[in-house]
């Protein structure tokens, strides 16, 4: 015999799981500290300057 399922609770459980997944994704994307952002920006600028300094003029 089939198990009786309350659709309202299933819908709420799915919404909670979706919210948790979205929160995890946002923590990955936006969860960096100011120091980490500054460090990353400095590394990117340094790499860009090094690359530009090795370009040859035609």
C-alpha atoms as a PDB file:
ATOM      1  CA  UNK A   1       0.000   0.000   0.000  1.00  0.00           C
ATOM      2  CA  UNK A   2       1.202   3.527  -0.742  1.00  0.00           C
ATOM      3  CA  UNK A   3       2.461   5.835   1.949  1.00  0.00           C
ATOM      4  CA  UNK A   4       0.321   8.872   2.711  1.00  0.00           C
ATOM      5  CA  UNK A   5       2.239  12.102   2.128  1.00  0.00           C
ATOM      6  CA  UNK A   6       1.265  15.570   3.243  1.00  0.00           C
ATOM      7  CA  UNK A   7       1.965  17.701   0.180  1.00  0.00           C
ATOM      8  CA  UNK A   8       2.233  20.906   2.195  1.00  0.00           C
ATOM      9  CA  UNK A   9       5.116  19.570   4.276  1.00  0.00           C
ATOM     10  CA  UNK A  10       6.849  18.174   1.185  1.00  0.00           C
ATOM     11  CA  UNK A  11       6.553  21.559  -0.522  1.00  0.00           C
ATOM     12  CA  UNK A  12       7.916  23.346   2.557  1.00  0.00           C
ATOM     13  CA  UNK A  13      10.802  20.877   2.866  1.00  0.00           C
ATOM     14  CA  UNK A  14      11.725  21.394  -0.798  1.00  0.00           C
ATOM     15  CA  UNK A  15      11.599  25.194  -0.339  1.00  0.00           C
ATOM     16  CA  UNK A  16      13.916  24.926   2.683  1.00  0.00           C
ATOM     17  CA  UNK A  17      16.367  22.757   0.746  1.00  0.00           C
ATOM     18  CA  UNK A  18      16.351  25.216  -2.181  1.00  0.00           C
ATOM     19  CA  UNK A  19      16.947  28.140   0.189  1.00  0.00           C
ATOM     20  CA  UNK A  20      19.828  26.296   1.826  1.00  0.00           C
ATOM     21  CA  UNK A  21      21.417  25.570  -1.554  1.00  0.00           C
ATOM     22  CA  UNK A  22      21.042  29.221  -2.603  1.00  0.00           C
ATOM     23  CA  UNK A  23      22.555  30.374   0.704  1.00  0.00           C
ATOM     24  CA  UNK A  24      25.532  28.058   0.220  1.00  0.00           C
ATOM     25  CA  UNK A  25      26.101  29.427  -3.270  1.00  0.00           C
ATOM     26  CA  UNK A  26      25.939  33.006  -1.979  1.00  0.00           C
ATOM     27  CA  UNK A  27      28.430  32.203   0.773  1.00  0.00           C
ATOM     28  CA  UNK A  28      30.819  30.981  -1.887  1.00  0.00           C
ATOM     29  CA  UNK A  29      30.306  33.998  -4.152  1.00  0.00           C
ATOM     30  CA  UNK A  30      30.066  36.834  -1.651  1.00  0.00           C
ATOM     31  CA  UNK A  31      31.529  35.418   1.544  1.00  0.00           C
ATOM     32  CA  UNK A  32      35.028  36.820   1.262  1.00  0.00           C
ATOM     33  CA  UNK A  33      36.498  39.218   3.787  1.00  0.00           C
ATOM     34  CA  UNK A  34      37.783  42.637   2.813  1.00  0.00           C
ATOM     35  CA  UNK A  35      41.367  41.463   3.293  1.00  0.00           C
ATOM     36  CA  UNK A  36      40.809  38.526   0.937  1.00  0.00           C
ATOM     37  CA  UNK A  37      39.274  40.811  -1.679  1.00  0.00           C
ATOM     38  CA  UNK A  38      42.160  43.276  -1.367  1.00  0.00           C
ATOM     39  CA  UNK A  39      44.729  40.477  -1.622  1.00  0.00           C
ATOM     40  CA  UNK A  40      43.042  39.023  -4.694  1.00  0.00           C
ATOM     41  CA  UNK A  41      42.843  42.442  -6.359  1.00  0.00           C
ATOM     42  CA  UNK A  42      46.550  43.088  -5.634  1.00  0.00           C
ATOM     43  CA  UNK A  43      47.563  39.725  -7.097  1.00  0.00           C
ATOM     44  CA  UNK A  44      45.530  40.395 -10.233  1.00  0.00           C
ATOM     45  CA  UNK A  45      47.049  43.847 -10.695  1.00  0.00           C
ATOM     46  CA  UNK A  46      50.559  42.468 -10.192  1.00  0.00           C
ATOM     47  CA  UNK A  47      49.996  39.737 -12.770  1.00  0.00           C
ATOM     48  CA  UNK A  48      48.624  42.300 -15.230  1.00  0.00           C
ATOM     49  CA  UNK A  49      51.603  44.619 -14.741  1.00  0.00           C
ATOM     50  CA  UNK A  50      54.075  41.750 -15.201  1.00  0.00           C
ATOM     51  CA  UNK A  51      52.333  40.656 -18.372  1.00  0.00           C
ATOM     52  CA  UNK A  52      52.244  44.215 -19.752  1.00  0.00           C
ATOM     53  CA  UNK A  53      55.932  44.741 -18.990  1.00  0.00           C
ATOM     54  CA  UNK A  54      56.844  41.747 -21.167  1.00  0.00           C
ATOM     55  CA  UNK A  55      54.990  42.975 -24.228  1.00  0.00           C
ATOM     56  CA  UNK A  56      57.090  43.956 -27.181  1.00  0.00           C
ATOM     57  CA  UNK A  57      56.540  47.201 -29.033  1.00  0.00           C
ATOM     58  CA  UNK A  58      56.195  46.886 -32.802  1.00  0.00           C
END
